Amino acid sequence: MGIRPPAAFPLLTLALLAAACSSPSPPSAADRTVTDEGLGIRYTLPDQWTPFLDEVRSPGGTVWELKTKSLEDAEKGFLTGLPRTILPQLVGWTEFFYKRNGEPALADTVIGGHPALEAVFPVLIRPGDPPTAVAYWAVRHGDTLYVFRAGFPPGLEAVDLPALRQMMRGLTFLRPEPPPAEPEAPPGQVVQ
């Protein structure tokens, strides 16, 4: 007469098999939060997006990146008109990397408590390719202009653009904005 396994053995086997086959739980918002001390920003990645070198990628291939520009020696008219005065540069960057396929959709928004510009350009990656888009967000913080860019593979703008908008709304600046410089007084006059 052989030894009969306990009745619980098949249940234990099924439980272990189910645990091995189940997918891990998605990372929490805290696990997806990126703090970049060098750039002085914090943001929470959309679910399933991953950082890769100096950019962030969606599961479908959308790439989001950031450029910063010093405004230390910028012309006063340019500074006064920000973020809208960066638009000609955004047009130039878009036309350098893509074939424009229409006029950009522009929207005023807020990033990190500051007025910002969102510009979404309809583009083709190469002539004859399916239409897609490239999006920019521009915001000034102190003497730095932050320009974020997202390039979408064809068909992913509708999915990834709303996720990026939510991420941009939640972005925070880590350093306080410096106070504005005191205006210079002409000789013999007092500035109040």
N, C-alpha and C. Protein backbone atom coordinates (compact mmCIF):
# COMPACT_ATOMS: atom_id res chain seq x y z
N MET A 1 0.85 -1.17 0.00
CA MET A 1 0.00 0.00 0.00
C MET A 1 0.89 1.23 0.00
N GLY A 2 0.62 2.18 -0.93
CA GLY A 2 1.44 3.38 -1.03
C GLY A 2 1.00 4.46 -0.07
N ILE A 3 1.83 5.50 0.00
CA ILE A 3 1.53 6.64 0.87
C ILE A 3 0.69 7.64 0.09
N ARG A 4 -0.37 8.02 0.68
CA ARG A 4 -1.28 8.96 0.02
C ARG A 4 -0.94 10.37 0.47
N PRO A 5 -0.78 11.36 -0.49
CA PRO A 5 -0.47 12.73 -0.09
C PRO A 5 -1.63 13.35 0.66
N PRO A 6 -1.33 14.28 1.55
CA PRO A 6 -2.40 14.96 2.27
C PRO A 6 -3.31 15.70 1.30
N ALA A 7 -4.55 15.90 1.67
CA ALA A 7 -5.54 16.56 0.81
C ALA A 7 -5.18 18.01 0.55
N ALA A 8 -4.42 18.63 1.44
CA ALA A 8 -4.06 20.04 1.27
C ALA A 8 -2.98 20.24 0.21
N PHE A 9 -2.26 19.19 -0.15
CA PHE A 9 -1.17 19.33 -1.11
C PHE A 9 -1.62 19.92 -2.45
N PRO A 10 -2.71 19.45 -3.06
CA PRO A 10 -3.14 20.06 -4.32
C PRO A 10 -3.52 21.54 -4.16
N LEU A 11 -4.10 21.91 -3.04
CA LEU A 11 -4.45 23.31 -2.83
C LEU A 11 -3.21 24.18 -2.68
N LEU A 12 -2.21 23.68 -1.97
CA LEU A 12 -0.96 24.41 -1.80
C LEU A 12 -0.26 24.59 -3.15
N THR A 13 -0.26 23.55 -3.95
CA THR A 13 0.35 23.63 -5.28
C THR A 13 -0.35 24.68 -6.13
N LEU A 14 -1.66 24.71 -6.11
CA LEU A 14 -2.42 25.71 -6.89
C LEU A 14 -2.14 27.12 -6.39
N ALA A 15 -2.03 27.30 -5.09
CA ALA A 15 -1.76 28.63 -4.53
C ALA A 15 -0.37 29.11 -4.94
N LEU A 16 0.62 28.24 -4.87
CA LEU A 16 1.98 28.62 -5.28
C LEU A 16 2.05 28.93 -6.77
N LEU A 17 1.37 28.14 -7.57
CA LEU A 17 1.34 28.37 -9.01
C LEU A 17 0.66 29.70 -9.33
N ALA A 18 -0.44 30.01 -8.67
CA ALA A 18 -1.14 31.29 -8.89
C ALA A 18 -0.26 32.47 -8.50
N ALA A 19 0.45 32.34 -7.38
CA ALA A 19 1.33 33.43 -6.94
C ALA A 19 2.47 33.64 -7.92
N ALA A 20 3.00 32.56 -8.48
CA ALA A 20 4.11 32.68 -9.43
C ALA A 20 3.65 33.31 -10.74
N CYS A 21 2.41 33.08 -11.13
CA CYS A 21 1.89 33.59 -12.40
C CYS A 21 1.31 34.99 -12.29
N SER A 22 1.01 35.46 -11.11
CA SER A 22 0.38 36.77 -10.98
C SER A 22 1.41 37.86 -11.26
N SER A 23 0.94 38.95 -11.79
CA SER A 23 1.84 40.07 -12.08
C SER A 23 2.04 40.91 -10.83
N PRO A 24 3.20 41.53 -10.72
CA PRO A 24 3.44 42.36 -9.53
C PRO A 24 2.51 43.57 -9.54
N SER A 25 2.23 44.08 -8.37
CA SER A 25 1.36 45.25 -8.30
C SER A 25 2.09 46.45 -8.90
N PRO A 26 1.34 47.37 -9.54
CA PRO A 26 2.00 48.52 -10.15
C PRO A 26 2.63 49.42 -9.09
N PRO A 27 3.71 50.11 -9.46
CA PRO A 27 4.36 50.99 -8.49
C PRO A 27 3.40 52.09 -8.02
N SER A 28 3.55 52.46 -6.77
CA SER A 28 2.71 53.51 -6.20
C SER A 28 3.17 54.87 -6.74
N ALA A 29 2.37 55.90 -6.50
CA ALA A 29 2.75 57.26 -6.91
C ALA A 29 4.07 57.66 -6.27
N ALA A 30 4.29 57.26 -5.02
CA ALA A 30 5.55 57.59 -4.34
C ALA A 30 6.72 56.92 -5.04
N ASP A 31 6.52 55.68 -5.52
CA ASP A 31 7.59 54.97 -6.23
C ASP A 31 7.86 55.58 -7.61
N ARG A 32 6.86 56.24 -8.18
CA ARG A 32 7.01 56.85 -9.51
C ARG A 32 7.45 58.30 -9.43
N THR A 33 7.66 58.84 -8.24
CA THR A 33 8.05 60.24 -8.09
C THR A 33 9.54 60.40 -8.34
N VAL A 34 9.86 61.34 -9.21
CA VAL A 34 11.25 61.62 -9.57
C VAL A 34 11.62 62.99 -8.98
N THR A 35 12.73 63.02 -8.25
CA THR A 35 13.26 64.27 -7.71
C THR A 35 14.60 64.50 -8.36
N ASP A 36 14.71 65.59 -9.10
CA ASP A 36 15.96 65.94 -9.78
C ASP A 36 16.51 67.19 -9.10
N GLU A 37 17.42 66.98 -8.17
CA GLU A 37 18.00 68.10 -7.41
C GLU A 37 18.76 69.05 -8.33
N GLY A 38 19.46 68.52 -9.33
CA GLY A 38 20.24 69.35 -10.24
C GLY A 38 19.38 70.34 -11.00
N LEU A 39 18.22 69.88 -11.49
CA LEU A 39 17.30 70.75 -12.21
C LEU A 39 16.32 71.45 -11.29
N GLY A 40 16.25 71.00 -10.04
CA GLY A 40 15.37 71.63 -9.06
C GLY A 40 13.90 71.37 -9.30
N ILE A 41 13.56 70.13 -9.75
CA ILE A 41 12.16 69.81 -10.00
C ILE A 41 11.81 68.44 -9.42
N ARG A 42 10.50 68.26 -9.20
CA ARG A 42 9.95 66.98 -8.76
C ARG A 42 8.66 66.75 -9.54
N TYR A 43 8.49 65.52 -10.01
CA TYR A 43 7.28 65.17 -10.75
C TYR A 43 7.00 63.68 -10.56
N THR A 44 5.76 63.29 -10.81
CA THR A 44 5.36 61.89 -10.68
C THR A 44 5.08 61.34 -12.06
N LEU A 45 5.81 60.29 -12.42
CA LEU A 45 5.65 59.67 -13.73
C LEU A 45 4.26 59.07 -13.89
N PRO A 46 3.72 59.13 -15.11
CA PRO A 46 2.48 58.38 -15.36
C PRO A 46 2.74 56.88 -15.13
N ASP A 47 1.70 56.15 -14.83
CA ASP A 47 1.81 54.72 -14.58
C ASP A 47 2.46 54.02 -15.78
N GLN A 48 3.40 53.17 -15.52
CA GLN A 48 4.14 52.35 -16.49
C GLN A 48 5.15 53.12 -17.33
N TRP A 49 5.35 54.41 -17.08
CA TRP A 49 6.40 55.16 -17.76
C TRP A 49 7.71 54.92 -17.02
N THR A 50 8.82 54.97 -17.75
CA THR A 50 10.11 54.70 -17.12
C THR A 50 11.14 55.76 -17.49
N PRO A 51 11.98 56.13 -16.52
CA PRO A 51 13.08 57.04 -16.83
C PRO A 51 14.17 56.27 -17.57
N PHE A 52 14.78 56.93 -18.55
CA PHE A 52 15.86 56.33 -19.32
C PHE A 52 16.86 57.42 -19.63
N LEU A 53 18.03 57.38 -18.99
CA LEU A 53 19.05 58.42 -19.11
C LEU A 53 18.44 59.77 -18.75
N ASP A 54 18.41 60.72 -19.71
CA ASP A 54 17.88 62.05 -19.38
C ASP A 54 16.49 62.28 -19.96
N GLU A 55 15.75 61.19 -20.20
CA GLU A 55 14.40 61.31 -20.72
C GLU A 55 13.49 60.31 -20.02
N VAL A 56 12.21 60.39 -20.34
CA VAL A 56 11.21 59.49 -19.79
C VAL A 56 10.45 58.90 -20.97
N ARG A 57 10.12 57.60 -20.89
CA ARG A 57 9.45 56.93 -22.01
C ARG A 57 8.17 56.25 -21.56
N SER A 58 7.17 56.29 -22.45
CA SER A 58 5.92 55.58 -22.20
C SER A 58 6.07 54.14 -22.70
N PRO A 59 5.16 53.25 -22.30
CA PRO A 59 5.24 51.88 -22.81
C PRO A 59 5.14 51.81 -24.34
N GLY A 60 4.46 52.77 -24.96
CA GLY A 60 4.31 52.76 -26.41
C GLY A 60 5.40 53.48 -27.17
N GLY A 61 6.33 54.15 -26.45
CA GLY A 61 7.45 54.79 -27.13
C GLY A 61 7.45 56.30 -27.15
N THR A 62 6.48 56.95 -26.52
CA THR A 62 6.53 58.41 -26.41
C THR A 62 7.74 58.79 -25.57
N VAL A 63 8.46 59.81 -26.01
CA VAL A 63 9.65 60.26 -25.29
C VAL A 63 9.41 61.68 -24.79
N TRP A 64 9.65 61.90 -23.49
CA TRP A 64 9.51 63.22 -22.84
C TRP A 64 10.88 63.61 -22.32
N GLU A 65 11.28 64.85 -22.61
CA GLU A 65 12.59 65.33 -22.17
C GLU A 65 12.51 66.80 -21.79
N LEU A 66 13.57 67.28 -21.16
CA LEU A 66 13.61 68.65 -20.66
C LEU A 66 14.89 69.34 -21.10
N LYS A 67 14.75 70.59 -21.50
CA LYS A 67 15.89 71.47 -21.75
C LYS A 67 15.73 72.68 -20.86
N THR A 68 16.82 73.19 -20.35
CA THR A 68 16.77 74.42 -19.58
C THR A 68 17.64 75.46 -20.27
N LYS A 69 17.19 76.69 -20.20
CA LYS A 69 17.92 77.80 -20.81
C LYS A 69 18.05 78.91 -19.78
N SER A 70 19.25 79.46 -19.66
CA SER A 70 19.46 80.58 -18.76
C SER A 70 18.86 81.84 -19.36
N LEU A 71 18.19 82.62 -18.53
CA LEU A 71 17.59 83.88 -18.97
C LEU A 71 18.38 85.08 -18.46
N GLU A 72 19.56 84.82 -17.95
CA GLU A 72 20.34 85.86 -17.29
C GLU A 72 20.57 87.09 -18.17
N ASP A 73 20.90 86.90 -19.44
CA ASP A 73 21.19 88.03 -20.33
C ASP A 73 20.11 88.25 -21.38
N ALA A 74 18.91 87.72 -21.16
CA ALA A 74 17.84 87.85 -22.15
C ALA A 74 17.32 89.28 -22.22
N GLU A 75 16.81 89.64 -23.39
CA GLU A 75 16.24 90.97 -23.60
C GLU A 75 14.98 91.14 -22.77
N LYS A 76 14.78 92.36 -22.30
CA LYS A 76 13.65 92.65 -21.42
C LYS A 76 12.31 92.34 -22.10
N GLY A 77 12.16 92.66 -23.37
CA GLY A 77 10.91 92.38 -24.08
C GLY A 77 10.62 90.89 -24.17
N PHE A 78 11.67 90.09 -24.35
CA PHE A 78 11.52 88.64 -24.39
C PHE A 78 11.06 88.13 -23.03
N LEU A 79 11.70 88.62 -21.97
CA LEU A 79 11.35 88.19 -20.62
C LEU A 79 9.92 88.58 -20.25
N THR A 80 9.54 89.80 -20.62
CA THR A 80 8.20 90.29 -20.29
C THR A 80 7.12 89.45 -20.97
N GLY A 81 7.40 88.98 -22.17
CA GLY A 81 6.40 88.22 -22.92
C GLY A 81 6.38 86.73 -22.66
N LEU A 82 7.30 86.24 -21.82
CA LEU A 82 7.32 84.80 -21.55
C LEU A 82 6.04 84.35 -20.88
N PRO A 83 5.55 83.18 -21.17
CA PRO A 83 6.19 82.13 -21.96
C PRO A 83 5.91 82.20 -23.46
N ARG A 84 5.03 83.10 -23.90
CA ARG A 84 4.66 83.15 -25.33
C ARG A 84 5.81 83.52 -26.26
N THR A 85 6.77 84.30 -25.78
CA THR A 85 7.85 84.75 -26.67
C THR A 85 8.80 83.62 -27.06
N ILE A 86 8.67 82.45 -26.47
CA ILE A 86 9.50 81.31 -26.86
C ILE A 86 8.91 80.59 -28.08
N LEU A 87 7.70 80.93 -28.49
CA LEU A 87 7.03 80.22 -29.58
C LEU A 87 7.84 80.18 -30.87
N PRO A 88 8.47 81.28 -31.35
CA PRO A 88 9.26 81.15 -32.58
C PRO A 88 10.38 80.11 -32.46
N GLN A 89 10.98 79.99 -31.29
CA GLN A 89 12.02 78.97 -31.10
C GLN A 89 11.43 77.57 -31.15
N LEU A 90 10.23 77.39 -30.59
CA LEU A 90 9.57 76.08 -30.64
C LEU A 90 9.25 75.69 -32.07
N VAL A 91 8.81 76.68 -32.86
CA VAL A 91 8.55 76.43 -34.28
C VAL A 91 9.84 75.97 -34.96
N GLY A 92 10.94 76.66 -34.69
CA GLY A 92 12.22 76.30 -35.29
C GLY A 92 12.68 74.91 -34.91
N TRP A 93 12.57 74.56 -33.63
CA TRP A 93 12.97 73.22 -33.19
C TRP A 93 12.10 72.16 -33.87
N THR A 94 10.80 72.43 -33.95
CA THR A 94 9.89 71.47 -34.58
C THR A 94 10.26 71.26 -36.04
N GLU A 95 10.48 72.34 -36.77
CA GLU A 95 10.78 72.22 -38.20
C GLU A 95 12.17 71.62 -38.45
N PHE A 96 13.06 71.69 -37.48
CA PHE A 96 14.37 71.08 -37.63
C PHE A 96 14.27 69.55 -37.55
N PHE A 97 13.42 69.04 -36.64
CA PHE A 97 13.34 67.59 -36.42
C PHE A 97 12.18 66.90 -37.13
N TYR A 98 11.15 67.64 -37.53
CA TYR A 98 9.94 67.04 -38.10
C TYR A 98 9.49 67.84 -39.31
N LYS A 99 8.48 67.28 -40.00
CA LYS A 99 7.79 68.04 -41.04
C LYS A 99 6.48 68.50 -40.43
N ARG A 100 6.33 69.82 -40.32
CA ARG A 100 5.07 70.34 -39.74
C ARG A 100 3.90 69.97 -40.62
N ASN A 101 2.77 69.67 -39.96
CA ASN A 101 1.58 69.23 -40.67
C ASN A 101 0.38 70.09 -40.25
N GLY A 102 0.62 71.38 -40.00
CA GLY A 102 -0.44 72.29 -39.60
C GLY A 102 0.05 73.23 -38.52
N GLU A 103 -0.85 74.05 -38.05
CA GLU A 103 -0.54 75.04 -37.02
C GLU A 103 -0.62 74.42 -35.63
N PRO A 104 0.18 74.91 -34.70
CA PRO A 104 0.14 74.34 -33.35
C PRO A 104 -1.13 74.74 -32.60
N ALA A 105 -1.56 73.86 -31.72
CA ALA A 105 -2.64 74.18 -30.78
C ALA A 105 -1.95 74.76 -29.54
N LEU A 106 -2.28 76.00 -29.21
CA LEU A 106 -1.66 76.69 -28.08
C LEU A 106 -2.64 76.79 -26.92
N ALA A 107 -2.12 76.63 -25.72
CA ALA A 107 -2.96 76.75 -24.52
C ALA A 107 -2.12 77.33 -23.39
N ASP A 108 -2.71 78.25 -22.65
CA ASP A 108 -2.08 78.75 -21.44
C ASP A 108 -2.38 77.75 -20.33
N THR A 109 -1.38 77.47 -19.52
CA THR A 109 -1.54 76.53 -18.42
C THR A 109 -0.69 77.01 -17.25
N VAL A 110 -0.60 76.21 -16.21
CA VAL A 110 0.19 76.54 -15.04
C VAL A 110 1.06 75.32 -14.71
N ILE A 111 2.34 75.57 -14.49
CA ILE A 111 3.27 74.52 -14.09
C ILE A 111 4.03 75.01 -12.86
N GLY A 112 3.97 74.26 -11.81
CA GLY A 112 4.69 74.63 -10.60
C GLY A 112 4.29 75.99 -10.06
N GLY A 113 3.04 76.39 -10.29
CA GLY A 113 2.55 77.67 -9.80
C GLY A 113 2.87 78.85 -10.70
N HIS A 114 3.49 78.61 -11.86
CA HIS A 114 3.88 79.68 -12.77
C HIS A 114 3.10 79.58 -14.08
N PRO A 115 2.84 80.74 -14.72
CA PRO A 115 2.19 80.70 -16.03
C PRO A 115 3.08 79.93 -17.02
N ALA A 116 2.45 79.10 -17.82
CA ALA A 116 3.19 78.28 -18.78
C ALA A 116 2.44 78.24 -20.10
N LEU A 117 3.15 77.82 -21.13
CA LEU A 117 2.57 77.67 -22.46
C LEU A 117 2.65 76.20 -22.85
N GLU A 118 1.54 75.68 -23.37
CA GLU A 118 1.55 74.35 -23.99
C GLU A 118 1.35 74.57 -25.48
N ALA A 119 2.21 73.96 -26.29
CA ALA A 119 2.11 74.05 -27.75
C ALA A 119 2.19 72.64 -28.31
N VAL A 120 1.14 72.22 -29.02
CA VAL A 120 1.10 70.88 -29.61
C VAL A 120 1.09 71.06 -31.13
N PHE A 121 2.16 70.59 -31.76
CA PHE A 121 2.32 70.73 -33.21
C PHE A 121 1.93 69.42 -33.90
N PRO A 122 1.04 69.48 -34.89
CA PRO A 122 0.82 68.28 -35.72
C PRO A 122 2.02 68.14 -36.66
N VAL A 123 2.59 66.94 -36.71
CA VAL A 123 3.80 66.72 -37.49
C VAL A 123 3.76 65.36 -38.18
N LEU A 124 4.70 65.21 -39.11
CA LEU A 124 5.04 63.92 -39.70
C LEU A 124 6.49 63.67 -39.34
N ILE A 125 6.82 62.44 -38.99
CA ILE A 125 8.22 62.15 -38.69
C ILE A 125 9.03 62.24 -39.97
N ARG A 126 8.51 61.67 -41.04
CA ARG A 126 9.08 61.82 -42.39
C ARG A 126 7.91 62.03 -43.34
N PRO A 127 8.14 62.71 -44.47
CA PRO A 127 7.04 62.87 -45.44
C PRO A 127 6.48 61.49 -45.81
N GLY A 128 5.16 61.40 -45.82
CA GLY A 128 4.50 60.14 -46.15
C GLY A 128 4.18 59.27 -44.94
N ASP A 129 4.74 59.58 -43.77
CA ASP A 129 4.44 58.82 -42.56
C ASP A 129 3.05 59.19 -42.04
N PRO A 130 2.48 58.36 -41.17
CA PRO A 130 1.20 58.72 -40.55
C PRO A 130 1.37 59.98 -39.69
N PRO A 131 0.32 60.79 -39.57
CA PRO A 131 0.43 62.00 -38.76
C PRO A 131 0.61 61.66 -37.28
N THR A 132 1.31 62.54 -36.60
CA THR A 132 1.52 62.42 -35.16
C THR A 132 1.68 63.83 -34.60
N ALA A 133 2.29 63.96 -33.44
CA ALA A 133 2.41 65.28 -32.83
C ALA A 133 3.68 65.35 -31.99
N VAL A 134 4.10 66.59 -31.75
CA VAL A 134 5.14 66.89 -30.77
C VAL A 134 4.57 68.00 -29.89
N ALA A 135 4.75 67.86 -28.58
CA ALA A 135 4.19 68.83 -27.63
C ALA A 135 5.32 69.47 -26.84
N TYR A 136 5.13 70.75 -26.53
CA TYR A 136 6.09 71.49 -25.70
C TYR A 136 5.34 72.15 -24.55
N TRP A 137 6.02 72.27 -23.43
CA TRP A 137 5.56 73.08 -22.32
C TRP A 137 6.72 74.00 -21.95
N ALA A 138 6.47 75.28 -21.83
CA ALA A 138 7.51 76.25 -21.48
C ALA A 138 7.06 77.02 -20.25
N VAL A 139 7.97 77.13 -19.27
CA VAL A 139 7.67 77.82 -18.02
C VAL A 139 8.95 78.46 -17.50
N ARG A 140 8.80 79.65 -16.98
CA ARG A 140 9.93 80.36 -16.38
C ARG A 140 9.89 80.20 -14.87
N HIS A 141 11.06 79.89 -14.32
CA HIS A 141 11.22 79.86 -12.86
C HIS A 141 12.53 80.58 -12.56
N GLY A 142 12.41 81.77 -11.99
CA GLY A 142 13.60 82.57 -11.72
C GLY A 142 14.29 82.96 -13.02
N ASP A 143 15.58 82.75 -13.10
CA ASP A 143 16.36 83.08 -14.29
C ASP A 143 16.56 81.88 -15.20
N THR A 144 15.65 80.91 -15.11
CA THR A 144 15.74 79.72 -15.94
C THR A 144 14.43 79.50 -16.68
N LEU A 145 14.54 79.18 -17.96
CA LEU A 145 13.39 78.78 -18.76
C LEU A 145 13.44 77.27 -18.90
N TYR A 146 12.39 76.60 -18.47
CA TYR A 146 12.26 75.16 -18.59
C TYR A 146 11.41 74.88 -19.82
N VAL A 147 11.94 74.09 -20.75
CA VAL A 147 11.18 73.70 -21.95
C VAL A 147 11.13 72.18 -21.97
N PHE A 148 9.93 71.64 -21.83
CA PHE A 148 9.70 70.20 -21.86
C PHE A 148 9.18 69.85 -23.24
N ARG A 149 9.64 68.71 -23.78
CA ARG A 149 9.20 68.29 -25.12
C ARG A 149 8.81 66.83 -25.07
N ALA A 150 7.71 66.50 -25.75
CA ALA A 150 7.27 65.11 -25.88
C ALA A 150 7.05 64.81 -27.35
N GLY A 151 7.68 63.75 -27.83
CA GLY A 151 7.46 63.27 -29.19
C GLY A 151 6.66 61.99 -29.14
N PHE A 152 5.57 61.96 -29.89
CA PHE A 152 4.63 60.83 -29.85
C PHE A 152 4.77 59.97 -31.10
N PRO A 153 4.86 58.65 -30.97
CA PRO A 153 4.73 57.79 -32.14
C PRO A 153 3.30 57.94 -32.70
N PRO A 154 3.11 57.67 -34.00
CA PRO A 154 1.75 57.78 -34.56
C PRO A 154 0.74 56.98 -33.74
N GLY A 155 -0.38 57.64 -33.44
CA GLY A 155 -1.48 57.00 -32.72
C GLY A 155 -1.42 57.07 -31.21
N LEU A 156 -0.31 57.54 -30.64
CA LEU A 156 -0.20 57.56 -29.18
C LEU A 156 -0.48 58.90 -28.54
N GLU A 157 -0.63 59.95 -29.33
CA GLU A 157 -0.91 61.27 -28.75
C GLU A 157 -2.18 61.24 -27.91
N ALA A 158 -3.23 60.59 -28.40
CA ALA A 158 -4.51 60.58 -27.68
C ALA A 158 -4.40 59.90 -26.32
N VAL A 159 -3.49 58.95 -26.17
CA VAL A 159 -3.32 58.24 -24.91
C VAL A 159 -2.32 58.94 -24.00
N ASP A 160 -1.16 59.32 -24.57
CA ASP A 160 -0.06 59.81 -23.75
C ASP A 160 -0.12 61.31 -23.43
N LEU A 161 -0.73 62.11 -24.29
CA LEU A 161 -0.80 63.55 -24.01
C LEU A 161 -1.58 63.85 -22.74
N PRO A 162 -2.76 63.25 -22.50
CA PRO A 162 -3.45 63.52 -21.23
C PRO A 162 -2.62 63.10 -20.00
N ALA A 163 -1.88 62.00 -20.09
CA ALA A 163 -1.05 61.57 -18.96
C ALA A 163 0.07 62.58 -18.71
N LEU A 164 0.65 63.11 -19.77
CA LEU A 164 1.71 64.12 -19.61
C LEU A 164 1.16 65.43 -19.06
N ARG A 165 -0.02 65.81 -19.51
CA ARG A 165 -0.63 67.03 -18.97
C ARG A 165 -0.82 66.91 -17.46
N GLN A 166 -1.29 65.77 -17.01
CA GLN A 166 -1.48 65.56 -15.58
C GLN A 166 -0.13 65.60 -14.86
N MET A 167 0.89 64.99 -15.43
CA MET A 167 2.21 65.02 -14.82
C MET A 167 2.73 66.45 -14.73
N MET A 168 2.55 67.24 -15.79
CA MET A 168 3.04 68.61 -15.81
C MET A 168 2.30 69.47 -14.78
N ARG A 169 1.00 69.26 -14.61
CA ARG A 169 0.24 70.02 -13.61
C ARG A 169 0.76 69.76 -12.20
N GLY A 170 1.27 68.54 -11.96
CA GLY A 170 1.76 68.18 -10.64
C GLY A 170 3.23 68.49 -10.41
N LEU A 171 3.94 68.97 -11.42
CA LEU A 171 5.37 69.26 -11.28
C LEU A 171 5.58 70.38 -10.28
N THR A 172 6.58 70.25 -9.44
CA THR A 172 6.91 71.30 -8.48
C THR A 172 8.38 71.68 -8.61
N PHE A 173 8.66 72.93 -8.31
CA PHE A 173 10.03 73.41 -8.27
C PHE A 173 10.52 73.27 -6.84
N LEU A 174 11.75 72.79 -6.68
CA LEU A 174 12.28 72.51 -5.35
C LEU A 174 12.88 73.74 -4.68
N ARG A 175 13.34 74.67 -5.47
CA ARG A 175 13.97 75.87 -4.90
C ARG A 175 13.00 77.05 -5.03
N PRO A 176 12.95 77.90 -4.03
CA PRO A 176 12.09 79.08 -4.15
C PRO A 176 12.60 79.99 -5.26
N GLU A 177 11.67 80.69 -5.87
CA GLU A 177 12.05 81.64 -6.92
C GLU A 177 12.72 82.84 -6.26
N PRO A 178 13.87 83.26 -6.79
CA PRO A 178 14.54 84.41 -6.19
C PRO A 178 13.70 85.67 -6.37
N PRO A 179 13.81 86.62 -5.45
CA PRO A 179 13.06 87.87 -5.60
C PRO A 179 13.56 88.64 -6.82
N PRO A 180 12.70 89.47 -7.42
CA PRO A 180 13.14 90.24 -8.58
C PRO A 180 14.25 91.22 -8.19
N ALA A 181 15.12 91.50 -9.13
CA ALA A 181 16.22 92.43 -8.89
C ALA A 181 15.67 93.83 -8.67
N GLU A 182 16.34 94.58 -7.83
CA GLU A 182 15.95 95.97 -7.59
C GLU A 182 16.18 96.79 -8.86
N PRO A 183 15.24 97.64 -9.24
CA PRO A 183 15.47 98.49 -10.41
C PRO A 183 16.57 99.50 -10.12
N GLU A 184 17.30 99.81 -11.18
CA GLU A 184 18.37 100.81 -11.02
C GLU A 184 17.77 102.20 -11.11
N ALA A 185 18.21 103.08 -10.22
CA ALA A 185 17.71 104.45 -10.20
C ALA A 185 18.63 105.33 -11.04
N PRO A 186 18.05 106.21 -11.84
CA PRO A 186 18.88 107.18 -12.54
C PRO A 186 19.62 108.04 -11.52
N PRO A 187 20.78 108.59 -11.87
CA PRO A 187 21.54 109.40 -10.91
C PRO A 187 20.67 110.52 -10.32
N GLY A 188 20.75 110.65 -9.01
CA GLY A 188 20.02 111.73 -8.32
C GLY A 188 18.58 111.41 -8.01
N GLN A 189 18.08 110.20 -8.33
CA GLN A 189 16.69 109.85 -8.03
C GLN A 189 16.65 108.66 -7.07
N VAL A 190 15.58 108.60 -6.31
CA VAL A 190 15.38 107.52 -5.36
C VAL A 190 14.32 106.57 -5.93
N VAL A 191 14.59 105.28 -5.87
CA VAL A 191 13.61 104.29 -6.31
C VAL A 191 12.80 103.85 -5.11
N GLN A 192 11.47 103.85 -5.25
CA GLN A 192 10.60 103.44 -4.14
C GLN A 192 9.93 102.14 -4.45
